Every structure is written in C-alpha cells, then in structure tokens.
Amino acid sequence: MNDILQQKLVRRSVPLKALSYGTVDPAAGGSVRQRVQIQQGIPQEKAKEVVKFIKDSKAKVQASIQADVVRVSGKDRDTLQDVIAKLKAKDFGIDMQFSNYRSN
C-alpha cells in the first residue's frame, strides 16, 4: 500500500521526505492500519538545528525562525547561495524548499 501511495504522491510532485510514518496498528479483519502525516513547515527542533548549522558555518548571514519557516538574510547574494548549497548538502531528514525574495 505504501508503494501505491508514494507513486501517487510523486506524480503530484510531493516530496517523499515530507512524509512521516506512524506505528503499524492491527485493525479489523486481520489487516493493519498506519497513519502517514505530511509535513507542513519545519518543526521547531529541526528549525533550531538548521539555525545552529548556519551559525556554525561562519557565513555573514542572519538566520531566524519565523513560525514554521527559517529565514536567512544577508547583504550578498553569493553568500546566501553558499548557505543554500551547504544546507542542500547536509541531510536534516526533512524536506526543505528554498525561495529567494531578492529581485535585483
């Protein structure tokens, strides 16, 4: 059943890292039940890990947690792109998406 669910989500461009699986519970008729939750935003403890990683990288940027988003700001676009590359290289176990609000 998980294979079918994952295939359907991949077709809809939902990253599989965004899924968190619950425990397998017995259900009626000799079947089992498992809850799967889709991650929306970054959990608080993972956000703290991301901010700590950014601060330990000694880049001249400021990282802040805003609700379920980690916002990174800095003067130079190149340093921001370096931080994005470092975050992509390290696996935090969550799905991360990056957006750039600078237009110039």
C-alpha atoms as a PDB file:
ATOM      1  CA  MET A   1       0.000   0.000   0.000  1.00  0.00           C
ATOM      2  CA  ASN A   2       2.893   2.345   0.756  1.00  0.00           C
ATOM      3  CA  ASP A   3       4.228   1.861  -2.771  1.00  0.00           C
ATOM      4  CA  ILE A   4       0.913   2.955  -4.278  1.00  0.00           C
ATOM      5  CA  LEU A   5       0.711   5.982  -2.009  1.00  0.00           C
ATOM      6  CA  GLN A   6       4.277   7.012  -2.804  1.00  0.00           C
ATOM      7  CA  GLN A   7       3.728   6.633  -6.556  1.00  0.00           C
ATOM      8  CA  LYS A   8       0.639   8.834  -6.407  1.00  0.00           C
ATOM      9  CA  LEU A   9       2.464  11.493  -4.384  1.00  0.00           C
ATOM     10  CA  VAL A  10       5.470  11.503  -6.724  1.00  0.00           C
ATOM     11  CA  ARG A  11       3.119  12.100  -9.666  1.00  0.00           C
ATOM     12  CA  ARG A  12       1.725  15.103  -7.803  1.00  0.00           C
ATOM     13  CA  SER A  13       5.254  16.442  -7.078  1.00  0.00           C
ATOM     14  CA  VAL A  14       5.011  15.882  -3.319  1.00  0.00           C
ATOM     15  CA  PRO A  15       8.491  15.058  -1.964  1.00  0.00           C
ATOM     16  CA  LEU A  16       8.650  11.740  -0.105  1.00  0.00           C
ATOM     17  CA  LYS A  17      10.813  13.288   2.639  1.00  0.00           C
ATOM     18  CA  ALA A  18       7.720  15.235   3.675  1.00  0.00           C
ATOM     19  CA  LEU A  19       6.052  12.024   4.898  1.00  0.00           C
ATOM     20  CA  SER A  20       6.293  10.801   8.470  1.00  0.00           C
ATOM     21  CA  TYR A  21       5.018   7.311   9.160  1.00  0.00           C
ATOM     22  CA  GLY A  22       3.279   6.300  12.365  1.00  0.00           C
ATOM     23  CA  THR A  23       3.183   2.917  14.030  1.00  0.00           C
ATOM     24  CA  VAL A  24       1.541  -0.088  12.397  1.00  0.00           C
ATOM     25  CA  ASP A  25      -1.609  -0.943  14.391  1.00  0.00           C
ATOM     26  CA  PRO A  26      -3.768  -4.047  13.991  1.00  0.00           C
ATOM     27  CA  ALA A  27      -7.212  -3.400  12.526  1.00  0.00           C
ATOM     28  CA  ALA A  28     -10.349  -5.460  11.916  1.00  0.00           C
ATOM     29  CA  GLY A  29     -10.291  -8.494   9.690  1.00  0.00           C
ATOM     30  CA  GLY A  30      -6.609  -9.346  10.102  1.00  0.00           C
ATOM     31  CA  SER A  31      -5.494  -6.130   8.402  1.00  0.00           C
ATOM     32  CA  VAL A  32      -3.255  -3.369   9.732  1.00  0.00           C
ATOM     33  CA  ARG A  33      -3.503   0.410   9.817  1.00  0.00           C
ATOM     34  CA  GLN A  34      -0.732   3.001   9.638  1.00  0.00           C
ATOM     35  CA  ARG A  35      -1.052   6.775   9.767  1.00  0.00           C
ATOM     36  CA  VAL A  36       1.067   8.890   7.434  1.00  0.00           C
ATOM     37  CA  GLN A  37       1.388  12.617   8.056  1.00  0.00           C
ATOM     38  CA  ILE A  38       2.580  15.178   5.553  1.00  0.00           C
ATOM     39  CA  GLN A  39       4.994  17.767   6.911  1.00  0.00           C
ATOM     40  CA  GLN A  40       3.990  21.385   6.533  1.00  0.00           C
ATOM     41  CA  GLY A  41       6.707  23.806   7.506  1.00  0.00           C
ATOM     42  CA  ILE A  42       9.726  22.969   9.633  1.00  0.00           C
ATOM     43  CA  PRO A  43       9.268  21.508  13.132  1.00  0.00           C
ATOM     44  CA  GLN A  44      10.694  23.677  15.929  1.00  0.00           C
ATOM     45  CA  GLU A  45      13.539  21.309  16.905  1.00  0.00           C
ATOM     46  CA  LYS A  46      14.633  20.878  13.259  1.00  0.00           C
ATOM     47  CA  ALA A  47      14.498  24.650  12.768  1.00  0.00           C
ATOM     48  CA  LYS A  48      16.856  25.076  15.719  1.00  0.00           C
ATOM     49  CA  GLU A  49      19.227  22.516  14.143  1.00  0.00           C
ATOM     50  CA  VAL A  50      19.179  24.420  10.839  1.00  0.00           C
ATOM     51  CA  VAL A  51      19.872  27.773  12.531  1.00  0.00           C
ATOM     52  CA  LYS A  52      22.714  26.250  14.572  1.00  0.00           C
ATOM     53  CA  PHE A  53      24.219  24.747  11.404  1.00  0.00           C
ATOM     54  CA  ILE A  54      24.050  28.127   9.643  1.00  0.00           C
ATOM     55  CA  LYS A  55      25.656  29.941  12.581  1.00  0.00           C
ATOM     56  CA  ASP A  56      28.405  27.293  12.829  1.00  0.00           C
ATOM     57  CA  SER A  57      29.233  27.773   9.142  1.00  0.00           C
ATOM     58  CA  LYS A  58      30.569  31.270   9.982  1.00  0.00           C
ATOM     59  CA  ALA A  59      28.806  32.840   6.996  1.00  0.00           C
ATOM     60  CA  LYS A  60      27.946  36.521   7.259  1.00  0.00           C
ATOM     61  CA  VAL A  61      24.194  35.940   7.343  1.00  0.00           C
ATOM     62  CA  GLN A  62      21.469  36.127   9.959  1.00  0.00           C
ATOM     63  CA  ALA A  63      19.143  33.174  10.450  1.00  0.00           C
ATOM     64  CA  SER A  64      15.867  33.471  12.318  1.00  0.00           C
ATOM     65  CA  ILE A  65      12.943  31.172  12.995  1.00  0.00           C
ATOM     66  CA  GLN A  66       9.586  32.635  11.973  1.00  0.00           C
ATOM     67  CA  ALA A  67       6.722  30.272  12.867  1.00  0.00           C
ATOM     68  CA  ASP A  68       7.394  27.219  10.672  1.00  0.00           C
ATOM     69  CA  VAL A  69       9.959  28.896   8.379  1.00  0.00           C
ATOM     70  CA  VAL A  70      13.662  29.623   8.765  1.00  0.00           C
ATOM     71  CA  ARG A  71      14.514  32.972   7.212  1.00  0.00           C
ATOM     72  CA  VAL A  72      18.101  33.715   6.259  1.00  0.00           C
ATOM     73  CA  SER A  73      19.085  37.267   5.377  1.00  0.00           C
ATOM     74  CA  GLY A  74      22.365  38.738   4.301  1.00  0.00           C
ATOM     75  CA  LYS A  75      23.886  41.505   2.196  1.00  0.00           C
ATOM     76  CA  ASP A  76      25.494  39.431  -0.534  1.00  0.00           C
ATOM     77  CA  ARG A  77      23.549  37.093  -2.800  1.00  0.00           C
ATOM     78  CA  ASP A  78      26.601  34.845  -3.236  1.00  0.00           C
ATOM     79  CA  THR A  79      26.820  34.116   0.491  1.00  0.00           C
ATOM     80  CA  LEU A  80      23.118  33.281   0.548  1.00  0.00           C
ATOM     81  CA  GLN A  81      23.617  30.865  -2.343  1.00  0.00           C
ATOM     82  CA  ASP A  82      26.571  29.301  -0.499  1.00  0.00           C
ATOM     83  CA  VAL A  83      24.356  28.761   2.555  1.00  0.00           C
ATOM     84  CA  ILE A  84      21.683  27.160   0.362  1.00  0.00           C
ATOM     85  CA  ALA A  85      24.294  24.839  -1.159  1.00  0.00           C
ATOM     86  CA  LYS A  86      25.549  23.836   2.310  1.00  0.00           C
ATOM     87  CA  LEU A  87      22.002  23.167   3.517  1.00  0.00           C
ATOM     88  CA  LYS A  88      21.273  21.027   0.458  1.00  0.00           C
ATOM     89  CA  ALA A  89      24.467  19.038   1.044  1.00  0.00           C
ATOM     90  CA  LYS A  90      23.583  18.256   4.673  1.00  0.00           C
ATOM     91  CA  ASP A  91      20.633  15.929   5.254  1.00  0.00           C
ATOM     92  CA  PHE A  92      18.381  17.091   8.098  1.00  0.00           C
ATOM     93  CA  GLY A  93      15.788  14.373   7.433  1.00  0.00           C
ATOM     94  CA  ILE A  94      13.134  16.869   6.370  1.00  0.00           C
ATOM     95  CA  ASP A  95      12.013  18.323   3.070  1.00  0.00           C
ATOM     96  CA  MET A  96      13.398  21.822   2.574  1.00  0.00           C
ATOM     97  CA  GLN A  97      12.395  24.282  -0.100  1.00  0.00           C
ATOM     98  CA  PHE A  98      14.226  27.484  -0.839  1.00  0.00           C
ATOM     99  CA  SER A  99      12.816  30.739  -2.173  1.00  0.00           C
ATOM    100  CA  ASN A 100      14.635  33.953  -2.938  1.00  0.00           C
ATOM    101  CA  TYR A 101      12.835  37.193  -2.208  1.00  0.00           C
ATOM    102  CA  ARG A 102      15.536  39.397  -3.706  1.00  0.00           C
ATOM    103  CA  SER A 103      14.778  40.543  -7.199  1.00  0.00           C
ATOM    104  CA  ASN A 104      17.898  42.584  -8.006  1.00  0.00           C
END
